[in-house]
């Protein structure tokens, strides 16, 4: 599987996550045709250029949690972006049943 092609498919899957919904890294990997590559999805999103309009913030871990440390600016940015779209948190988690794709 060619890496650039996989990156493109990951970007397409993330771009297709509807506003107000979330997906897990594993779901994105599976939908991109690369099951068991959830960590790679995180790597691809981490390498997005500054100013990218890809809705990276809609991708969560398998527990429905943000992957950044809770006291980090990145955690706050991601949480605020999700809440602005109507995604609700129960403590530090998002219900994947209610808000998952």
PDB file of N, CA and C in Angstrom:
ATOM      1  N   UNK A   1       0.858  -1.190   0.000  1.00  0.00           N
ATOM      2  CA  UNK A   1       0.000   0.000   0.000  1.00  0.00           C
ATOM      3  C   UNK A   1       0.895   1.241   0.000  1.00  0.00           C
ATOM      4  N   UNK A   2       0.707   2.098  -0.945  1.00  0.00           N
ATOM      5  CA  UNK A   2       1.531   3.293  -1.074  1.00  0.00           C
ATOM      6  C   UNK A   2       1.132   4.324  -0.016  1.00  0.00           C
ATOM      7  N   UNK A   3       2.133   4.874   0.676  1.00  0.00           N
ATOM      8  CA  UNK A   3       1.884   5.793   1.786  1.00  0.00           C
ATOM      9  C   UNK A   3       1.146   7.055   1.359  1.00  0.00           C
ATOM     10  N   UNK A   4       1.547   7.683   0.268  1.00  0.00           N
ATOM     11  CA  UNK A   4       0.872   8.911  -0.176  1.00  0.00           C
ATOM     12  C   UNK A   4      -0.589   8.651  -0.498  1.00  0.00           C
ATOM     13  N   UNK A   5      -0.862   7.514  -1.114  1.00  0.00           N
ATOM     14  CA  UNK A   5      -2.229   7.135  -1.438  1.00  0.00           C
ATOM     15  C   UNK A   5      -3.037   6.933  -0.154  1.00  0.00           C
ATOM     16  N   UNK A   6      -2.442   6.284   0.835  1.00  0.00           N
ATOM     17  CA  UNK A   6      -3.126   6.076   2.112  1.00  0.00           C
ATOM     18  C   UNK A   6      -3.381   7.414   2.799  1.00  0.00           C
ATOM     19  N   UNK A   7      -2.400   8.297   2.789  1.00  0.00           N
ATOM     20  CA  UNK A   7      -2.596   9.625   3.384  1.00  0.00           C
ATOM     21  C   UNK A   7      -3.790  10.323   2.749  1.00  0.00           C
ATOM     22  N   UNK A   8      -3.866  10.273   1.431  1.00  0.00           N
ATOM     23  CA  UNK A   8      -4.965  10.912   0.704  1.00  0.00           C
ATOM     24  C   UNK A   8      -6.311  10.312   1.113  1.00  0.00           C
ATOM     25  N   UNK A   9      -6.363   8.999   1.238  1.00  0.00           N
ATOM     26  CA  UNK A   9      -7.620   8.350   1.641  1.00  0.00           C
ATOM     27  C   UNK A   9      -8.000   8.734   3.069  1.00  0.00           C
ATOM     28  N   UNK A  10      -7.017   8.838   3.952  1.00  0.00           N
ATOM     29  CA  UNK A  10      -7.291   9.263   5.331  1.00  0.00           C
ATOM     30  C   UNK A  10      -7.856  10.678   5.325  1.00  0.00           C
ATOM     31  N   UNK A  11      -7.244  11.569   4.560  1.00  0.00           N
ATOM     32  CA  UNK A  11      -7.742  12.952   4.486  1.00  0.00           C
ATOM     33  C   UNK A  11      -9.174  12.979   3.968  1.00  0.00           C
ATOM     34  N   UNK A  12      -9.468  12.160   2.969  1.00  0.00           N
ATOM     35  CA  UNK A  12     -10.822  12.116   2.404  1.00  0.00           C
ATOM     36  C   UNK A  12     -11.840  11.636   3.432  1.00  0.00           C
ATOM     37  N   UNK A  13     -11.473  10.619   4.199  1.00  0.00           N
ATOM     38  CA  UNK A  13     -12.384  10.100   5.226  1.00  0.00           C
ATOM     39  C   UNK A  13     -12.627  11.160   6.293  1.00  0.00           C
ATOM     40  N   UNK A  14     -11.570  11.800   6.763  1.00  0.00           N
ATOM     41  CA  UNK A  14     -11.719  12.829   7.796  1.00  0.00           C
ATOM     42  C   UNK A  14     -12.552  13.996   7.263  1.00  0.00           C
ATOM     43  N   UNK A  15     -12.322  14.393   6.034  1.00  0.00           N
ATOM     44  CA  UNK A  15     -13.086  15.494   5.435  1.00  0.00           C
ATOM     45  C   UNK A  15     -14.572  15.165   5.340  1.00  0.00           C
ATOM     46  N   UNK A  16     -14.905  13.883   5.265  1.00  0.00           N
ATOM     47  CA  UNK A  16     -16.300  13.459   5.112  1.00  0.00           C
ATOM     48  C   UNK A  16     -17.041  13.292   6.438  1.00  0.00           C
ATOM     49  N   UNK A  17     -16.353  13.432   7.569  1.00  0.00           N
ATOM     50  CA  UNK A  17     -17.038  13.328   8.863  1.00  0.00           C
ATOM     51  C   UNK A  17     -17.945  14.548   8.991  1.00  0.00           C
ATOM     52  N   UNK A  18     -19.251  14.327   9.153  1.00  0.00           N
ATOM     53  CA  UNK A  18     -20.174  15.471   9.200  1.00  0.00           C
ATOM     54  C   UNK A  18     -19.958  16.366  10.421  1.00  0.00           C
ATOM     55  N   UNK A  19     -20.292  17.613  10.259  1.00  0.00           N
ATOM     56  CA  UNK A  19     -20.259  18.572  11.367  1.00  0.00           C
ATOM     57  C   UNK A  19     -21.143  18.031  12.489  1.00  0.00           C
ATOM     58  N   UNK A  20     -20.646  18.104  13.730  1.00  0.00           N
ATOM     59  CA  UNK A  20     -21.403  17.620  14.878  1.00  0.00           C
ATOM     60  C   UNK A  20     -21.276  16.129  15.123  1.00  0.00           C
ATOM     61  N   UNK A  21     -20.421  15.458  14.356  1.00  0.00           N
ATOM     62  CA  UNK A  21     -20.184  14.020  14.518  1.00  0.00           C
ATOM     63  C   UNK A  21     -18.700  13.786  14.737  1.00  0.00           C
ATOM     64  N   UNK A  22     -18.368  12.614  15.244  1.00  0.00           N
ATOM     65  CA  UNK A  22     -16.976  12.241  15.469  1.00  0.00           C
ATOM     66  C   UNK A  22     -16.741  10.826  14.950  1.00  0.00           C
ATOM     67  N   UNK A  23     -15.484  10.499  14.760  1.00  0.00           N
ATOM     68  CA  UNK A  23     -15.075   9.144  14.398  1.00  0.00           C
ATOM     69  C   UNK A  23     -13.818   8.822  15.195  1.00  0.00           C
ATOM     70  N   UNK A  24     -13.563   7.540  15.386  1.00  0.00           N
ATOM     71  CA  UNK A  24     -12.346   7.138  16.083  1.00  0.00           C
ATOM     72  C   UNK A  24     -11.216   6.964  15.070  1.00  0.00           C
ATOM     73  N   UNK A  25      -9.993   6.959  15.580  1.00  0.00           N
ATOM     74  CA  UNK A  25      -8.839   6.717  14.718  1.00  0.00           C
ATOM     75  C   UNK A  25      -9.005   5.384  13.991  1.00  0.00           C
ATOM     76  N   UNK A  26      -9.488   4.377  14.700  1.00  0.00           N
ATOM     77  CA  UNK A  26      -9.691   3.063  14.099  1.00  0.00           C
ATOM     78  C   UNK A  26     -10.742   3.068  13.006  1.00  0.00           C
ATOM     79  N   UNK A  27     -11.823   3.806  13.218  1.00  0.00           N
ATOM     80  CA  UNK A  27     -12.853   3.902  12.185  1.00  0.00           C
ATOM     81  C   UNK A  27     -12.299   4.581  10.937  1.00  0.00           C
ATOM     82  N   UNK A  28     -11.552   5.645  11.133  1.00  0.00           N
ATOM     83  CA  UNK A  28     -10.962   6.351   9.988  1.00  0.00           C
ATOM     84  C   UNK A  28     -10.031   5.406   9.227  1.00  0.00           C
ATOM     85  N   UNK A  29      -9.199   4.671   9.951  1.00  0.00           N
ATOM     86  CA  UNK A  29      -8.282   3.732   9.301  1.00  0.00           C
ATOM     87  C   UNK A  29      -9.054   2.689   8.495  1.00  0.00           C
ATOM     88  N   UNK A  30     -10.088   2.123   9.097  1.00  0.00           N
ATOM     89  CA  UNK A  30     -10.877   1.096   8.404  1.00  0.00           C
ATOM     90  C   UNK A  30     -11.554   1.662   7.160  1.00  0.00           C
ATOM     91  N   UNK A  31     -12.148   2.839   7.288  1.00  0.00           N
ATOM     92  CA  UNK A  31     -12.824   3.454   6.145  1.00  0.00           C
ATOM     93  C   UNK A  31     -11.845   3.850   5.039  1.00  0.00           C
ATOM     94  N   UNK A  32     -10.599   4.078   5.417  1.00  0.00           N
ATOM     95  CA  UNK A  32      -9.566   4.413   4.430  1.00  0.00           C
ATOM     96  C   UNK A  32      -8.958   3.156   3.808  1.00  0.00           C
ATOM     97  N   UNK A  33      -9.448   1.994   4.228  1.00  0.00           N
ATOM     98  CA  UNK A  33      -8.952   0.739   3.669  1.00  0.00           C
ATOM     99  C   UNK A  33      -7.706   0.213   4.339  1.00  0.00           C
ATOM    100  N   UNK A  34      -7.427   0.691   5.548  1.00  0.00           N
ATOM    101  CA  UNK A  34      -6.221   0.266   6.263  1.00  0.00           C
ATOM    102  C   UNK A  34      -6.553  -0.108   7.706  1.00  0.00           C
ATOM    103  N   UNK A  35      -7.387  -1.139   7.898  1.00  0.00           N
ATOM    104  CA  UNK A  35      -7.698  -1.539   9.270  1.00  0.00           C
ATOM    105  C   UNK A  35      -6.404  -1.880  10.019  1.00  0.00           C
ATOM    106  N   UNK A  36      -6.433  -1.669  11.318  1.00  0.00           N
ATOM    107  CA  UNK A  36      -5.276  -1.887  12.193  1.00  0.00           C
ATOM    108  C   UNK A  36      -4.189  -0.827  12.016  1.00  0.00           C
ATOM    109  N   UNK A  37      -4.521   0.293  11.392  1.00  0.00           N
ATOM    110  CA  UNK A  37      -3.563   1.390  11.227  1.00  0.00           C
ATOM    111  C   UNK A  37      -4.042   2.661  11.931  1.00  0.00           C
ATOM    112  N   UNK A  38      -4.729   2.497  13.050  1.00  0.00           N
ATOM    113  CA  UNK A  38      -5.270   3.645  13.779  1.00  0.00           C
ATOM    114  C   UNK A  38      -4.170   4.616  14.198  1.00  0.00           C
ATOM    115  N   UNK A  39      -3.051   4.100  14.649  1.00  0.00           N
ATOM    116  CA  UNK A  39      -1.962   4.989  15.078  1.00  0.00           C
ATOM    117  C   UNK A  39      -1.411   5.802  13.914  1.00  0.00           C
ATOM    118  N   UNK A  40      -1.413   5.202  12.747  1.00  0.00           N
ATOM    119  CA  UNK A  40      -0.935   5.926  11.574  1.00  0.00           C
ATOM    120  C   UNK A  40      -1.860   7.096  11.256  1.00  0.00           C
ATOM    121  N   UNK A  41      -3.159   6.915  11.474  1.00  0.00           N
ATOM    122  CA  UNK A  41      -4.106   8.022  11.271  1.00  0.00           C
ATOM    123  C   UNK A  41      -3.693   9.196  12.149  1.00  0.00           C
ATOM    124  N   UNK A  42      -3.359   8.920  13.408  1.00  0.00           N
ATOM    125  CA  UNK A  42      -2.901   9.976  14.304  1.00  0.00           C
ATOM    126  C   UNK A  42      -1.651  10.667  13.787  1.00  0.00           C
ATOM    127  N   UNK A  43      -0.735   9.895  13.245  1.00  0.00           N
ATOM    128  CA  UNK A  43       0.494  10.460  12.685  1.00  0.00           C
ATOM    129  C   UNK A  43       0.188  11.378  11.506  1.00  0.00           C
ATOM    130  N   UNK A  44      -0.701  10.933  10.632  1.00  0.00           N
ATOM    131  CA  UNK A  44      -1.070  11.744   9.463  1.00  0.00           C
ATOM    132  C   UNK A  44      -1.702  13.058   9.913  1.00  0.00           C
ATOM    133  N   UNK A  45      -2.598  12.991  10.894  1.00  0.00           N
ATOM    134  CA  UNK A  45      -3.266  14.209  11.366  1.00  0.00           C
ATOM    135  C   UNK A  45      -2.289  15.133  12.089  1.00  0.00           C
ATOM    136  N   UNK A  46      -1.361  14.547  12.808  1.00  0.00           N
ATOM    137  CA  UNK A  46      -0.352  15.340  13.521  1.00  0.00           C
ATOM    138  C   UNK A  46       0.520  16.142  12.551  1.00  0.00           C
ATOM    139  N   UNK A  47       0.709  15.619  11.350  1.00  0.00           N
ATOM    140  CA  UNK A  47       1.579  16.256  10.360  1.00  0.00           C
ATOM    141  C   UNK A  47       0.848  17.230   9.442  1.00  0.00           C
ATOM    142  N   UNK A  48      -0.417  17.509   9.709  1.00  0.00           N
ATOM    143  CA  UNK A  48      -1.140  18.471   8.875  1.00  0.00           C
ATOM    144  C   UNK A  48      -0.459  19.833   8.959  1.00  0.00           C
ATOM    145  N   UNK A  49      -0.387  20.539   7.857  1.00  0.00           N
ATOM    146  CA  UNK A  49       0.230  21.865   7.901  1.00  0.00           C
ATOM    147  C   UNK A  49      -0.623  22.848   8.701  1.00  0.00           C
ATOM    148  N   UNK A  50       0.028  23.815   9.297  1.00  0.00           N
ATOM    149  CA  UNK A  50      -0.692  24.864  10.027  1.00  0.00           C
ATOM    150  C   UNK A  50      -1.677  25.521   9.076  1.00  0.00           C
ATOM    151  N   UNK A  51      -2.857  25.787   9.572  1.00  0.00           N
ATOM    152  CA  UNK A  51      -3.872  26.436   8.757  1.00  0.00           C
ATOM    153  C   UNK A  51      -4.710  25.484   7.925  1.00  0.00           C
ATOM    154  N   UNK A  52      -4.463  24.189   8.051  1.00  0.00           N
ATOM    155  CA  UNK A  52      -5.259  23.208   7.308  1.00  0.00           C
ATOM    156  C   UNK A  52      -6.724  23.328   7.711  1.00  0.00           C
ATOM    157  N   UNK A  53      -7.613  23.166   6.750  1.00  0.00           N
ATOM    158  CA  UNK A  53      -9.052  23.235   7.034  1.00  0.00           C
ATOM    159  C   UNK A  53      -9.655  21.850   7.259  1.00  0.00           C
ATOM    160  N   UNK A  54      -8.840  20.811   7.224  1.00  0.00           N
ATOM    161  CA  UNK A  54      -9.329  19.460   7.483  1.00  0.00           C
ATOM    162  C   UNK A  54      -9.839  19.395   8.922  1.00  0.00           C
ATOM    163  N   UNK A  55     -11.042  18.873   9.156  1.00  0.00           N
ATOM    164  CA  UNK A  55     -11.597  18.849  10.518  1.00  0.00           C
ATOM    165  C   UNK A  55     -10.994  17.736  11.386  1.00  0.00           C
ATOM    166  N   UNK A  56      -9.708  17.811  11.622  1.00  0.00           N
ATOM    167  CA  UNK A  56      -8.968  16.831  12.415  1.00  0.00           C
ATOM    168  C   UNK A  56      -9.570  16.642  13.799  1.00  0.00           C
ATOM    169  N   UNK A  57     -10.177  17.698  14.316  1.00  0.00           N
ATOM    170  CA  UNK A  57     -10.688  17.683  15.688  1.00  0.00           C
ATOM    171  C   UNK A  57     -11.865  16.728  15.861  1.00  0.00           C
ATOM    172  N   UNK A  58     -12.433  16.231  14.780  1.00  0.00           N
ATOM    173  CA  UNK A  58     -13.556  15.290  14.849  1.00  0.00           C
ATOM    174  C   UNK A  58     -13.096  13.847  15.050  1.00  0.00           C
ATOM    175  N   UNK A  59     -11.800  13.622  15.170  1.00  0.00           N
ATOM    176  CA  UNK A  59     -11.262  12.273  15.339  1.00  0.00           C
ATOM    177  C   UNK A  59     -10.823  12.091  16.796  1.00  0.00           C
ATOM    178  N   UNK A  60     -11.375  11.046  17.429  1.00  0.00           N
ATOM    179  CA  UNK A  60     -11.133  10.767  18.846  1.00  0.00           C
ATOM    180  C   UNK A  60     -10.545   9.372  19.014  1.00  0.00           C
ATOM    181  N   UNK A  61     -10.121   9.072  20.235  1.00  0.00           N
ATOM    182  CA  UNK A  61      -9.638   7.718  20.485  1.00  0.00           C
ATOM    183  C   UNK A  61     -10.820   6.757  20.673  1.00  0.00           C
ATOM    184  N   UNK A  62     -10.523   5.493  20.825  1.00  0.00           N
ATOM    185  CA  UNK A  62     -11.557   4.455  20.875  1.00  0.00           C
ATOM    186  C   UNK A  62     -12.482   4.583  22.081  1.00  0.00           C
ATOM    187  N   UNK A  63     -12.063   5.304  23.106  1.00  0.00           N
ATOM    188  CA  UNK A  63     -12.901   5.505  24.298  1.00  0.00           C
ATOM    189  C   UNK A  63     -13.786   6.744  24.176  1.00  0.00           C
ATOM    190  N   UNK A  64     -13.671   7.446  23.053  1.00  0.00           N
ATOM    191  CA  UNK A  64     -14.446   8.669  22.877  1.00  0.00           C
ATOM    192  C   UNK A  64     -13.810   9.861  23.569  1.00  0.00           C
ATOM    193  N   UNK A  65     -12.512   9.768  23.798  1.00  0.00           N
ATOM    194  CA  UNK A  65     -11.783  10.843  24.480  1.00  0.00           C
ATOM    195  C   UNK A  65     -10.818  11.533  23.517  1.00  0.00           C
ATOM    196  N   UNK A  66     -10.449  12.742  23.867  1.00  0.00           N
ATOM    197  CA  UNK A  66      -9.420  13.457  23.122  1.00  0.00           C
ATOM    198  C   UNK A  66      -8.070  12.858  23.501  1.00  0.00           C
ATOM    199  N   UNK A  67      -7.158  12.818  22.569  1.00  0.00           N
ATOM    200  CA  UNK A  67      -5.868  12.175  22.830  1.00  0.00           C
ATOM    201  C   UNK A  67      -4.808  13.106  23.407  1.00  0.00           C
ATOM    202  N   UNK A  68      -5.091  14.401  23.441  1.00  0.00           N
ATOM    203  CA  UNK A  68      -4.137  15.350  24.014  1.00  0.00           C
ATOM    204  C   UNK A  68      -4.234  15.353  25.537  1.00  0.00           C
ATOM    205  N   UNK A  69      -3.153  15.730  26.236  1.00  0.00           N
ATOM    206  CA  UNK A  69      -3.235  15.903  27.688  1.00  0.00           C
ATOM    207  C   UNK A  69      -4.290  16.964  28.021  1.00  0.00           C
ATOM    208  N   UNK A  70      -5.065  16.713  29.071  1.00  0.00           N
ATOM    209  CA  UNK A  70      -6.193  17.592  29.403  1.00  0.00           C
ATOM    210  C   UNK A  70      -5.802  19.039  29.681  1.00  0.00           C
ATOM    211  N   UNK A  71      -4.596  19.275  30.121  1.00  0.00           N
ATOM    212  CA  UNK A  71      -4.194  20.649  30.446  1.00  0.00           C
ATOM    213  C   UNK A  71      -3.468  21.342  29.287  1.00  0.00           C
ATOM    214  N   UNK A  72      -3.484  20.725  28.110  1.00  0.00           N
ATOM    215  CA  UNK A  72      -2.757  21.313  26.976  1.00  0.00           C
ATOM    216  C   UNK A  72      -3.640  22.249  26.158  1.00  0.00           C
ATOM    217  N   UNK A  73      -3.027  23.233  25.501  1.00  0.00           N
ATOM    218  CA  UNK A  73      -3.786  24.113  24.608  1.00  0.00           C
ATOM    219  C   UNK A  73      -4.460  23.336  23.472  1.00  0.00           C
ATOM    220  N   UNK A  74      -3.811  22.285  22.980  1.00  0.00           N
ATOM    221  CA  UNK A  74      -4.394  21.488  21.890  1.00  0.00           C
ATOM    222  C   UNK A  74      -5.683  20.808  22.345  1.00  0.00           C
ATOM    223  N   UNK A  75      -5.694  20.317  23.586  1.00  0.00           N
ATOM    224  CA  UNK A  75      -6.910  19.704  24.137  1.00  0.00           C
ATOM    225  C   UNK A  75      -8.034  20.729  24.164  1.00  0.00           C
ATOM    226  N   UNK A  76      -7.740  21.920  24.644  1.00  0.00           N
ATOM    227  CA  UNK A  76      -8.759  22.970  24.729  1.00  0.00           C
ATOM    228  C   UNK A  76      -9.274  23.362  23.346  1.00  0.00           C
ATOM    229  N   UNK A  77      -8.364  23.493  22.371  1.00  0.00           N
ATOM    230  CA  UNK A  77      -8.777  23.828  20.994  1.00  0.00           C
ATOM    231  C   UNK A  77      -9.714  22.768  20.435  1.00  0.00           C
ATOM    232  N   UNK A  78      -9.341  21.500  20.622  1.00  0.00           N
ATOM    233  CA  UNK A  78     -10.162  20.421  20.077  1.00  0.00           C
ATOM    234  C   UNK A  78     -11.520  20.366  20.771  1.00  0.00           C
ATOM    235  N   UNK A  79     -11.516  20.467  22.070  1.00  0.00           N
ATOM    236  CA  UNK A  79     -12.786  20.407  22.801  1.00  0.00           C
ATOM    237  C   UNK A  79     -13.694  21.576  22.415  1.00  0.00           C
ATOM    238  N   UNK A  80     -13.138  22.773  22.339  1.00  0.00           N
ATOM    239  CA  UNK A  80     -13.936  23.951  21.971  1.00  0.00           C
ATOM    240  C   UNK A  80     -14.494  23.826  20.555  1.00  0.00           C
ATOM    241  N   UNK A  81     -13.701  23.289  19.632  1.00  0.00           N
ATOM    242  CA  UNK A  81     -14.172  23.115  18.252  1.00  0.00           C
ATOM    243  C   UNK A  81     -15.332  22.126  18.202  1.00  0.00           C
ATOM    244  N   UNK A  82     -15.233  21.043  18.957  1.00  0.00           N
ATOM    245  CA  UNK A  82     -16.316  20.057  18.984  1.00  0.00           C
ATOM    246  C   UNK A  82     -17.569  20.627  19.643  1.00  0.00           C
ATOM    247  N   UNK A  83     -17.396  21.306  20.763  1.00  0.00           N
ATOM    248  CA  UNK A  83     -18.552  21.894  21.451  1.00  0.00           C
ATOM    249  C   UNK A  83     -19.233  22.943  20.577  1.00  0.00           C
ATOM    250  N   UNK A  84     -18.461  23.687  19.800  1.00  0.00           N
ATOM    251  CA  UNK A  84     -19.036  24.693  18.900  1.00  0.00           C
ATOM    252  C   UNK A  84     -19.920  24.048  17.836  1.00  0.00           C
ATOM    253  N   UNK A  85     -19.666  22.774  17.540  1.00  0.00           N
ATOM    254  CA  UNK A  85     -20.484  22.042  16.570  1.00  0.00           C
ATOM    255  C   UNK A  85     -21.638  21.289  17.230  1.00  0.00           C
ATOM    256  N   UNK A  86     -21.768  21.439  18.554  1.00  0.00           N
ATOM    257  CA  UNK A  86     -22.866  20.786  19.253  1.00  0.00           C
ATOM    258  C   UNK A  86     -22.540  19.429  19.842  1.00  0.00           C
ATOM    259  N   UNK A  87     -21.284  19.017  19.765  1.00  0.00           N
ATOM    260  CA  UNK A  87     -20.879  17.744  20.360  1.00  0.00           C
ATOM    261  C   UNK A  87     -20.813  17.934  21.872  1.00  0.00           C
ATOM    262  N   UNK A  88     -21.454  17.026  22.599  1.00  0.00           N
ATOM    263  CA  UNK A  88     -21.518  17.133  24.058  1.00  0.00           C
ATOM    264  C   UNK A  88     -20.542  16.166  24.716  1.00  0.00           C
ATOM    265  N   UNK A  89     -19.964  16.632  25.810  1.00  0.00           N
ATOM    266  CA  UNK A  89     -19.042  15.824  26.598  1.00  0.00           C
ATOM    267  C   UNK A  89     -19.710  15.419  27.901  1.00  0.00           C
ATOM    268  N   UNK A  90     -19.438  14.205  28.329  1.00  0.00           N
ATOM    269  CA  UNK A  90     -19.805  13.745  29.664  1.00  0.00           C
ATOM    270  C   UNK A  90     -18.468  13.545  30.362  1.00  0.00           C
ATOM    271  N   UNK A  91     -18.098  14.505  31.198  1.00  0.00           N
ATOM    272  CA  UNK A  91     -16.751  14.504  31.751  1.00  0.00           C
ATOM    273  C   UNK A  91     -15.773  14.778  30.625  1.00  0.00           C
ATOM    274  N   UNK A  92     -14.888  13.818  30.378  1.00  0.00           N
ATOM    275  CA  UNK A  92     -13.890  13.979  29.315  1.00  0.00           C
ATOM    276  C   UNK A  92     -14.233  13.162  28.071  1.00  0.00           C
ATOM    277  N   UNK A  93     -15.416  12.544  28.059  1.00  0.00           N
ATOM    278  CA  UNK A  93     -15.773  11.648  26.953  1.00  0.00           C
ATOM    279  C   UNK A  93     -16.933  12.162  26.118  1.00  0.00           C
ATOM    280  N   UNK A  94     -16.918  11.727  24.865  1.00  0.00           N
ATOM    281  CA  UNK A  94     -18.020  11.970  23.936  1.00  0.00           C
ATOM    282  C   UNK A  94     -18.704  10.626  23.730  1.00  0.00           C
ATOM    283  N   UNK A  95     -20.022  10.602  23.755  1.00  0.00           N
ATOM    284  CA  UNK A  95     -20.747   9.364  23.485  1.00  0.00           C
ATOM    285  C   UNK A  95     -20.623   9.026  22.006  1.00  0.00           C
ATOM    286  N   UNK A  96     -19.955   7.912  21.727  1.00  0.00           N
ATOM    287  CA  UNK A  96     -19.814   7.487  20.339  1.00  0.00           C
ATOM    288  C   UNK A  96     -21.142   6.976  19.790  1.00  0.00           C
ATOM    289  N   UNK A  97     -22.045   6.581  20.680  1.00  0.00           N
ATOM    290  CA  UNK A  97     -23.380   6.153  20.252  1.00  0.00           C
ATOM    291  C   UNK A  97     -24.167   7.363  19.762  1.00  0.00           C
ATOM    292  N   UNK A  98     -24.098   8.459  20.506  1.00  0.00           N
ATOM    293  CA  UNK A  98     -24.863   9.661  20.150  1.00  0.00           C
ATOM    294  C   UNK A  98     -24.211  10.490  19.050  1.00  0.00           C
ATOM    295  N   UNK A  99     -22.883  10.593  19.067  1.00  0.00           N
ATOM    296  CA  UNK A  99     -22.203  11.518  18.163  1.00  0.00           C
ATOM    297  C   UNK A  99     -21.286  10.845  17.146  1.00  0.00           C
ATOM    298  N   UNK A 100     -21.176   9.531  17.207  1.00  0.00           N
ATOM    299  CA  UNK A 100     -20.325   8.825  16.252  1.00  0.00           C
ATOM    300  C   UNK A 100     -20.953   8.730  14.877  1.00  0.00           C
ATOM    301  N   UNK A 101     -20.104   8.552  13.873  1.00  0.00           N
ATOM    302  CA  UNK A 101     -20.607   8.417  12.496  1.00  0.00           C
ATOM    303  C   UNK A 101     -21.197   7.039  12.282  1.00  0.00           C
TER     304      UNK A 101
END
